[in-house]
Protein backbone atom coordinates (compact mmCIF):
# COMPACT_ATOMS: atom_id res chain seq x y z
CA MET A 1 0.00 0.00 0.00
CA LEU A 2 1.33 3.41 -0.93
CA LYS A 3 2.54 5.64 1.93
CA HIS A 4 3.83 8.68 0.04
CA VAL A 5 2.99 10.00 -3.44
CA THR A 6 4.48 12.96 -5.29
CA VAL A 7 2.26 14.55 -7.93
CA ILE A 8 4.54 16.29 -10.42
CA LEU A 9 3.85 19.20 -12.79
CA PRO A 10 6.53 18.53 -15.44
CA ILE A 11 5.71 21.47 -17.73
CA ASP A 12 4.88 25.14 -17.45
CA TYR A 13 1.16 25.17 -18.15
CA ARG A 14 -0.78 27.06 -15.54
CA GLY A 15 -4.30 26.28 -16.73
CA GLY A 16 -5.63 22.73 -16.82
CA SER A 17 -2.55 20.94 -15.51
CA LEU A 18 -2.38 23.04 -12.35
CA ARG A 19 -5.99 22.27 -11.49
CA VAL A 20 -5.50 18.61 -12.37
CA ALA A 21 -2.45 18.34 -10.11
CA LYS A 22 -4.28 19.80 -7.14
CA THR A 23 -7.37 17.68 -7.72
CA ILE A 24 -5.35 14.45 -8.02
CA ALA A 25 -3.41 15.28 -4.86
CA ARG A 26 -6.67 15.89 -3.00
CA MET A 27 -8.22 12.65 -4.27
CA ILE A 28 -5.19 10.62 -3.19
CA LYS A 29 -5.16 12.18 0.26
CA ARG A 30 -8.90 11.82 0.81
CA GLY A 31 -9.21 8.40 -0.85
CA SER A 32 -6.41 6.92 1.23
CA MET A 33 -7.98 8.26 4.45
CA GLU A 34 -11.37 6.83 3.51
CA ALA A 35 -9.66 3.47 2.92
CA GLY A 36 -8.07 3.60 6.36
CA ASN A 37 -4.53 3.87 4.97
CA PRO A 38 -3.58 7.57 5.14
CA CYS A 39 -1.07 8.51 2.47
CA SER A 40 1.01 11.70 2.57
CA VAL A 41 0.96 13.69 -0.65
CA ARG A 42 3.30 16.25 -2.17
CA ILE A 43 3.00 18.41 -5.27
CA ALA A 44 6.26 19.13 -7.09
CA ALA A 45 6.15 22.09 -9.48
CA LEU A 46 8.70 23.22 -12.03
CA GLU A 47 10.79 25.94 -10.37
CA ASP A 48 10.27 29.64 -11.08
CA ARG A 49 7.05 28.97 -13.01
CA TYR A 50 4.49 29.23 -10.22
CA ASP A 51 3.75 31.37 -7.21
CA LEU A 52 3.86 28.82 -4.42
CA HIS A 53 1.69 30.97 -2.16
CA ALA A 54 -0.94 32.18 -4.66
CA ASP A 55 -1.16 29.02 -6.78
CA PHE A 56 -0.90 26.41 -4.03
CA GLY A 57 -2.02 28.17 -0.85
CA ASP A 58 -5.30 26.24 -0.77
CA VAL A 59 -3.77 22.76 -0.90
CA ARG A 60 -0.97 23.68 1.51
CA GLU A 61 -3.65 24.59 4.06
CA GLU A 62 -5.07 21.10 3.53
CA GLY A 63 -1.80 19.46 4.55
CA ILE A 64 -0.38 18.84 1.08
CA GLU A 65 3.31 19.72 0.79
CA VAL A 66 4.46 21.78 -2.19
CA ARG A 67 8.03 21.75 -3.48
CA GLU A 68 9.86 23.12 -6.51
CA PHE A 69 12.15 21.08 -8.74
CA ALA A 70 14.26 21.41 -11.88
CA TRP A 71 15.12 18.96 -14.63
CA ALA A 72 18.63 17.48 -14.74
CA HIS A 73 19.89 15.74 -17.87
CA ILE A 74 21.75 12.44 -17.67
CA SER A 75 23.36 10.21 -20.28
CA ASN A 76 22.10 6.93 -21.67
CA ARG A 77 24.82 5.10 -19.73
CA GLU A 78 23.77 6.71 -16.44
CA ALA A 79 20.11 5.87 -17.13
CA GLU A 80 21.04 2.28 -17.93
CA THR A 81 22.88 1.96 -14.62
CA ILE A 82 19.84 3.33 -12.78
CA ALA A 83 17.58 0.87 -14.60
CA LEU A 84 19.78 -2.06 -13.58
CA VAL A 85 19.77 -0.97 -9.95
CA GLN A 86 15.96 -0.67 -10.10
CA HIS A 87 15.74 -4.14 -11.73
CA LYS A 88 13.90 -2.61 -14.68
CA SER A 89 13.90 -3.91 -18.23
CA VAL A 90 13.15 -0.83 -20.31
CA ASP A 91 13.72 0.67 -23.74
CA LEU A 92 16.71 3.02 -23.38
CA MET A 93 17.14 3.99 -27.02
CA SER A 94 17.39 7.71 -26.36
CA PRO A 95 20.89 9.28 -26.13
CA ASP A 96 19.93 11.21 -22.99
CA PHE A 97 17.28 11.34 -20.28
CA GLN A 98 16.02 13.63 -17.55
CA VAL A 99 15.39 13.31 -13.82
CA PRO A 100 13.83 15.75 -11.32
CA VAL A 101 16.16 17.40 -8.78
CA ASP A 102 15.04 19.57 -5.87
CA GLY A 103 18.20 20.22 -3.85
CA ILE A 104 16.85 18.14 -0.97
CA ASN A 105 16.45 14.48 -1.81
CA ASP A 106 15.32 14.76 -5.43
CA LEU A 107 11.82 13.49 -4.54
CA MET A 108 13.25 10.04 -3.85
CA ASP A 109 11.36 9.75 -0.54
CA SER A 110 8.13 8.95 -2.41
CA ASP A 111 6.81 5.51 -3.23
CA ILE A 112 5.75 6.73 -6.64
CA TRP A 113 5.73 9.77 -8.89
CA LEU A 114 2.53 10.73 -10.70
CA PHE A 115 3.09 13.09 -13.63
CA VAL A 116 0.04 15.15 -14.60
CA SER A 117 1.28 15.51 -18.17
CA ASP A 118 3.16 13.30 -20.61
CA ARG A 119 4.70 16.28 -22.46
CA PHE A 120 8.36 15.60 -21.71
CA ASN A 121 11.24 17.28 -23.57
CA ARG A 122 13.39 14.23 -22.90
CA PRO A 123 12.36 10.74 -21.80
CA LEU A 124 12.20 10.20 -18.05
CA ALA A 125 14.96 8.05 -16.57
CA PRO A 126 13.57 5.01 -14.69
CA VAL A 127 14.64 6.22 -11.25
CA LYS A 128 11.38 5.53 -9.40
CA PRO A 129 8.09 3.81 -10.19
CA PHE A 130 5.95 6.38 -11.97
CA VAL A 131 2.50 6.98 -13.45
CA VAL A 132 1.79 9.25 -16.40
CA PHE A 133 -1.53 11.04 -16.85
CA ALA A 134 -2.02 11.20 -20.64
CA THR A 135 -4.63 13.79 -21.49
CA ASP A 136 -4.85 13.00 -25.21
CA TYR A 137 -2.99 12.07 -28.39
CA ILE A 138 -3.97 15.04 -30.55
CA GLN A 139 -0.96 14.46 -32.77
CA ARG A 140 -2.61 11.33 -34.15
CA TYR A 141 -5.39 13.45 -35.60
CA VAL A 142 -3.69 16.84 -35.99
CA PRO A 143 -0.03 15.85 -36.67
CA GLU A 144 1.01 19.37 -37.60
CA ILE A 145 0.94 20.52 -33.96
CA PHE A 146 4.38 18.93 -33.50
CA SER A 147 7.27 20.15 -35.61
CA LYS A 148 9.88 17.87 -37.17
CA LYS A 149 13.54 18.16 -36.32
CA GLY A 150 16.21 16.03 -37.94
CA GLY A 151 13.73 13.47 -39.24
CA ARG A 152 11.94 12.98 -35.92
CA THR A 153 9.06 14.75 -34.28
CA ASP A 154 9.00 16.57 -30.96
CA ASP A 155 6.59 14.04 -29.49
CA LEU A 156 9.03 11.09 -29.33
CA PRO A 157 10.01 11.66 -25.65
CA LEU A 158 6.41 11.40 -24.50
CA TYR A 159 6.03 7.95 -26.09
CA GLN A 160 9.31 6.74 -24.63
CA SER A 161 8.35 7.94 -21.15
CA ALA A 162 4.83 6.52 -21.30
CA ARG A 163 6.12 3.12 -22.43
CA MET A 164 8.46 3.00 -19.44
CA ALA A 165 5.73 4.06 -16.98
CA ASP A 166 4.34 1.57 -14.50
CA ALA A 167 0.87 2.83 -15.43
CA VAL A 168 -0.77 5.35 -17.73
CA PHE A 169 -4.01 7.04 -16.69
CA THR A 170 -6.56 8.46 -19.13
CA THR A 171 -9.98 9.97 -18.50
CA THR A 172 -11.86 8.98 -21.67
CA PRO A 173 -12.25 5.56 -23.32
CA HIS A 174 -11.08 6.89 -26.70
CA THR A 175 -7.84 8.30 -25.27
CA ARG A 176 -7.25 4.95 -23.55
CA LEU A 177 -7.52 3.21 -26.92
CA ASP A 178 -5.15 5.77 -28.46
CA ALA A 179 -2.62 5.09 -25.71
CA ILE A 180 -2.71 1.40 -26.62
CA SER A 181 -3.03 1.44 -30.40
CA PHE A 182 -1.11 4.65 -31.19
CA ALA A 183 1.42 5.17 -28.39
CA GLY A 184 2.10 1.44 -28.10
CA ILE A 185 1.53 1.07 -24.36
CA PRO A 186 0.50 -2.43 -23.21
CA ALA A 187 -3.24 -2.51 -22.51
CA GLU A 188 -2.82 -3.89 -19.00
CA ARG A 189 -0.90 -0.75 -18.01
CA VAL A 190 -3.48 1.76 -19.32
CA HIS A 191 -6.30 2.64 -16.93
CA LEU A 192 -9.46 4.70 -17.23
CA ALA A 193 -9.51 7.08 -14.25
CA PRO A 194 -12.60 8.98 -13.06
CA MET A 195 -13.44 12.23 -14.83
CA ASP A 196 -14.53 14.66 -12.14
CA PHE A 197 -15.97 18.16 -12.27
CA ASP A 198 -15.21 20.92 -9.76
CA PRO A 199 -17.63 23.87 -10.01
CA THR A 200 -16.51 25.60 -6.82
CA TRP A 201 -14.83 28.49 -8.65
CA ILE A 202 -18.10 29.36 -10.43
CA ALA A 203 -20.49 28.45 -7.64
CA ASP A 204 -21.86 31.98 -7.29
CA ALA A 205 -22.45 32.65 -10.98
CA GLU A 206 -26.15 33.08 -11.69
CA PRO A 207 -27.63 33.20 -15.23
CA PRO A 208 -29.88 36.14 -16.13
CA ILE A 209 -33.62 35.69 -15.78
CA ASP A 210 -34.30 36.78 -19.37
CA PHE A 211 -32.15 34.37 -21.40
CA SER A 212 -33.60 35.67 -24.68
CA ARG A 213 -31.53 38.84 -24.29
CA SER A 214 -28.24 36.92 -24.31
CA ALA A 215 -26.67 38.40 -27.39
CA CYS A 216 -23.28 36.77 -27.89
CA ILE A 217 -21.53 33.49 -28.54
CA ILE A 218 -18.67 32.66 -26.18
CA TRP A 219 -15.71 30.85 -27.76
CA PRO A 220 -13.17 29.58 -25.19
CA THR A 221 -9.97 28.54 -26.93
CA ASN A 222 -6.20 28.96 -26.95
CA ALA A 223 -3.64 29.70 -29.65
CA ASN A 224 -2.85 26.10 -30.65
CA ALA A 225 -3.55 24.69 -34.12
CA HIS A 226 -5.84 21.86 -32.98
CA LYS A 227 -8.37 24.50 -31.93
CA ASN A 228 -9.24 24.87 -35.63
CA HIS A 229 -9.22 28.67 -35.83
CA VAL A 230 -8.80 28.95 -39.60
CA ARG A 231 -11.96 27.00 -40.41
CA ALA A 232 -13.77 28.58 -37.46
CA PHE A 233 -13.10 32.10 -38.77
CA GLU A 234 -14.19 31.04 -42.26
CA ALA A 235 -17.40 29.65 -40.75
CA LEU A 236 -18.02 32.89 -38.87
CA ILE A 237 -17.64 34.90 -42.08
CA GLN A 238 -20.25 32.66 -43.73
CA TYR A 239 -22.48 32.88 -40.67
CA TYR A 240 -22.54 36.68 -40.86
CA GLU A 241 -22.27 37.36 -44.59
CA ARG A 242 -24.26 34.50 -46.12
CA LEU A 243 -26.63 33.46 -43.34
CA GLY A 244 -27.29 36.80 -41.66
CA GLY A 245 -25.99 35.75 -38.23
CA GLN A 246 -27.08 38.08 -35.42
CA LEU A 247 -24.81 37.15 -32.51
CA ASP A 248 -21.35 38.61 -31.92
CA VAL A 249 -18.53 36.38 -30.65
CA LYS A 250 -16.51 36.82 -27.46
CA LEU A 251 -13.26 34.90 -27.96
CA VAL A 252 -11.50 34.13 -24.66
CA GLY A 253 -8.66 32.04 -23.35
CA PRO A 254 -4.90 31.77 -22.75
CA ASN A 255 -2.73 33.56 -25.34
CA THR A 256 -5.74 34.37 -27.55
CA LYS A 257 -4.65 38.00 -27.68
CA TRP A 258 -1.89 36.76 -29.99
CA ILE A 259 -4.56 36.12 -32.63
CA ASP A 260 -5.78 39.72 -32.49
CA PRO A 261 -3.84 41.70 -35.14
CA SER A 262 -4.18 44.86 -33.07
CA SER A 263 -2.22 43.30 -30.18
CA GLY A 264 1.54 42.98 -29.86
CA LEU A 265 3.40 39.66 -29.92
CA PRO A 266 6.17 38.27 -27.69
CA ASP A 267 9.46 37.95 -29.57
CA ALA A 268 9.32 34.15 -29.33
CA ILE A 269 5.98 34.08 -31.19
CA LYS A 270 6.63 36.63 -33.92
CA ASP A 271 7.88 33.99 -36.37
CA ASN A 272 5.16 31.46 -35.58
CA ASP A 273 3.59 30.70 -38.98
CA TYR A 274 0.27 29.61 -37.52
CA ILE A 275 -0.22 32.75 -35.43
CA ARG A 276 0.93 34.99 -38.27
CA GLY A 277 -1.56 33.32 -40.60
CA LEU A 278 -4.43 33.83 -38.15
CA ARG A 279 -3.60 37.50 -37.65
CA LYS A 280 -3.53 38.00 -41.41
CA GLN A 281 -6.86 36.18 -41.78
CA VAL A 282 -8.51 38.40 -39.16
CA SER A 283 -6.98 41.66 -40.39
CA SER A 284 -8.20 41.01 -43.94
CA SER A 285 -11.86 40.62 -42.88
CA THR A 286 -13.96 43.63 -41.91
CA THR A 287 -16.67 41.16 -40.87
CA LEU A 288 -14.44 39.53 -38.25
CA HIS A 289 -13.29 42.97 -37.07
CA ARG A 290 -16.91 43.99 -36.55
CA HIS A 291 -18.21 40.87 -34.85
CA VAL A 292 -15.34 39.20 -32.92
CA ASN A 293 -14.24 40.58 -29.55
CA PHE A 294 -10.81 39.29 -28.53
CA ALA A 295 -11.29 39.41 -24.76
CA GLY A 296 -8.13 37.48 -23.86
CA GLU A 297 -7.65 35.44 -20.71
CA LEU A 298 -10.35 36.31 -18.16
CA SER A 299 -10.33 35.94 -14.40
CA ASP A 300 -12.48 33.13 -13.02
CA ALA A 301 -15.18 35.61 -12.00
CA ALA A 302 -15.17 37.40 -15.35
CA TYR A 303 -15.31 34.12 -17.27
CA ALA A 304 -18.20 32.83 -15.17
CA LYS A 305 -20.07 36.09 -15.78
CA ALA A 306 -19.40 35.81 -19.52
CA LEU A 307 -20.90 32.31 -19.51
CA THR A 308 -24.06 33.49 -17.80
CA GLU A 309 -24.48 36.25 -20.39
CA ALA A 310 -23.85 34.16 -23.54
CA ARG A 311 -26.56 32.67 -25.76
CA PHE A 312 -24.37 29.57 -26.16
CA LEU A 313 -20.80 28.29 -25.96
CA TRP A 314 -19.02 27.29 -29.18
CA ASN A 315 -16.31 24.61 -29.31
CA PRO A 316 -15.02 24.18 -32.90
CA THR A 317 -11.91 22.20 -31.83
CA LEU A 318 -10.69 19.49 -34.19
CA PHE A 319 -9.66 17.05 -31.47
CA ASP A 320 -8.49 16.87 -27.85
CA ASN A 321 -9.43 15.09 -24.64
CA GLY A 322 -12.70 16.99 -24.53
CA THR A 323 -13.32 20.25 -22.77
CA PHE A 324 -14.90 20.81 -19.37
CA ALA A 325 -15.97 24.20 -20.73
CA VAL A 326 -19.31 22.62 -21.67
CA ALA A 327 -19.85 21.45 -18.07
CA GLU A 328 -18.90 24.87 -16.71
CA ALA A 329 -21.28 26.43 -19.22
CA ALA A 330 -24.08 24.07 -18.20
CA TRP A 331 -23.54 25.06 -14.55
CA CYS A 332 -24.06 28.68 -15.62
CA GLY A 333 -27.19 27.88 -17.63
CA CYS A 334 -25.40 28.21 -20.98
CA PRO A 335 -25.97 25.51 -23.65
CA SER A 336 -23.14 24.36 -25.93
CA LEU A 337 -22.54 23.83 -29.64
CA SER A 338 -19.54 21.54 -30.13
CA SER A 339 -17.61 19.73 -32.80
CA ASN A 340 -18.38 16.04 -32.93
CA TYR A 341 -15.55 13.83 -31.70
CA PRO A 342 -15.49 10.87 -29.27
CA GLN A 343 -14.24 12.69 -26.19
CA MET A 344 -16.95 15.36 -26.44
CA ARG A 345 -19.65 12.74 -26.89
CA TYR A 346 -18.30 10.97 -23.79
CA ILE A 347 -18.41 14.17 -21.71
CA GLY A 348 -21.93 14.88 -22.91
CA GLU A 349 -23.07 11.39 -21.94
CA ARG A 350 -21.17 11.25 -18.64
CA PHE A 351 -22.55 14.57 -17.40
CA SER A 352 -25.93 14.31 -19.17
CA ILE A 353 -25.28 17.53 -21.07
CA PRO A 354 -27.28 17.89 -24.31
CA LEU A 355 -24.69 18.94 -26.88
CA GLU A 356 -25.51 20.19 -30.34
CA LEU A 357 -22.82 18.66 -32.58
CA PHE A 358 -21.26 19.42 -35.98
CA ASN A 359 -18.36 18.36 -38.21
CA ALA A 360 -15.41 20.65 -37.40
CA ARG A 361 -13.75 20.01 -40.76
CA SER A 362 -16.73 21.36 -42.70
CA VAL A 363 -16.89 25.16 -42.84
CA ASP A 364 -20.38 25.06 -44.34
CA GLU A 365 -21.70 22.77 -41.60
CA MET A 366 -20.17 24.91 -38.87
CA ALA A 367 -21.77 28.04 -40.26
CA GLN A 368 -25.17 26.35 -40.53
CA ALA A 369 -24.86 25.00 -37.00
CA LEU A 370 -24.15 28.48 -35.65
CA LYS A 371 -27.21 29.88 -37.38
CA SER A 372 -29.41 27.02 -36.18
CA MET A 373 -28.21 27.41 -32.58
CA GLU A 374 -29.26 31.07 -32.59
CA THR A 375 -32.89 30.04 -32.24
CA LYS A 376 -32.39 26.54 -30.81
CA ALA A 377 -30.35 27.58 -27.76
CA PRO A 378 -33.31 28.43 -25.46
CA GLN A 379 -34.81 24.96 -25.96
CA VAL A 380 -31.46 23.22 -25.41
CA ARG A 381 -31.01 25.27 -22.25
CA LYS A 382 -34.21 23.79 -20.77
CA ASN A 383 -32.64 20.31 -20.94
CA LEU A 384 -29.37 21.17 -19.19
CA PRO A 385 -28.59 19.14 -16.05
CA SER A 386 -29.23 20.77 -12.70
CA ARG A 387 -26.41 22.00 -10.52
CA ASP A 388 -27.20 19.21 -8.08
CA ALA A 389 -26.77 16.63 -10.86
CA LEU A 390 -23.46 18.14 -11.97
CA SER A 391 -22.26 18.22 -8.35
CA GLN A 392 -22.50 14.41 -8.24
CA HIS A 393 -19.30 14.35 -10.31
CA SER A 394 -17.16 16.16 -7.72
CA TRP A 395 -13.64 14.96 -6.94
CA GLU A 396 -14.75 14.14 -3.39
CA ARG A 397 -17.14 11.48 -4.70
CA TYR A 398 -14.43 9.87 -6.83
CA ALA A 399 -11.57 10.00 -4.30
CA SER A 400 -11.93 6.41 -3.08
CA GLN A 401 -12.25 5.11 -6.63
CA TYR A 402 -9.11 6.99 -7.73
CA TRP A 403 -7.15 5.67 -4.76
CA ALA A 404 -8.24 2.10 -5.52
CA ILE A 405 -7.29 2.42 -9.21
CA LEU A 406 -3.87 3.85 -8.33
CA ASN A 407 -3.05 1.04 -5.89
CA GLY A 408 -4.49 -1.61 -8.19
CA ALA A 409 -2.45 -0.40 -11.16
CA LEU A 410 0.79 -0.66 -9.20
CA ALA A 411 -0.03 -4.08 -7.77
CA ARG A 412 0.06 -5.72 -11.21
């Protein structure tokens, strides 16, 4: 039985991964206590990327330790020696590896490491037993999101690390199948973990009484290619120019200001072909200028308010692990129009959220779906799950199940 677990944030991504890390840590702590085998939990975050007080103050008050770490690079020979000491038989084809170091004991006082992302720059050396949380395998469906260097793609380290992991956790059945059939991880090591929903940050958001006056579409996104911006903008132009669309769009999310041609760009992004193409596409369309509000990354309170004021949420993403944005929208009384892929259908079914679906690769179909949702949204809204129903999917309810899956996966 596990006595100490370190949940590790291996990359600098403050949004979803930060929340996931804290939720997993809480589930392990609570689940182990409910099982009568209290387990101490630590979160290890990449150094100089987070504010340990502001970002982790809540979990520290709950008795979860927080520590910073850095990546150290080691050679193939050093990794092979470590593997032999650990009695591991692993694929060590990479010329170099990485290990976490913290200046104390390098997190070695844990029974296991649980990484909340599989996005490694180098494969992880087999120093300790470890679990990888694989959110999705977008690159299987949108391969252009990873660049090629020297005949190989940037995603090779994540496959190597996942194949060496003692277990890989996914939260949707389709991503589990991708982990097996695409990433090449043995099926017995890939586990479907509970998908929970935490509405506490939007608990006070109340939708307006007169929903008919909601006059905008909210589009939560980021600046990555799998979010399908090019086709989405083309669909919006059709929606307004050909179909007489009446609702403006509020585009929100991390780094979305980069897409706005009136905003400046960080030096590191100025030569990004995808971002440059989007800015050119927007700047060349007076229709998009008139109807799209680039609101950027909103605070939790501002985003919750935007959801309550929107006619519907739009998710034109090509592929990912599904977005909880539709559950957050449902909590705020906002229906959703989403592209049709397995993970979104799973979220809709799991949370009983009625999703209006469309083909994200068809500009015409997206435009028609937007126009149809203009008038259909009030009816869809009536069928949204209640807040009480959504609350049944809280992390507290799944803590014991998560703890049992984690221990069962490592007992194989």
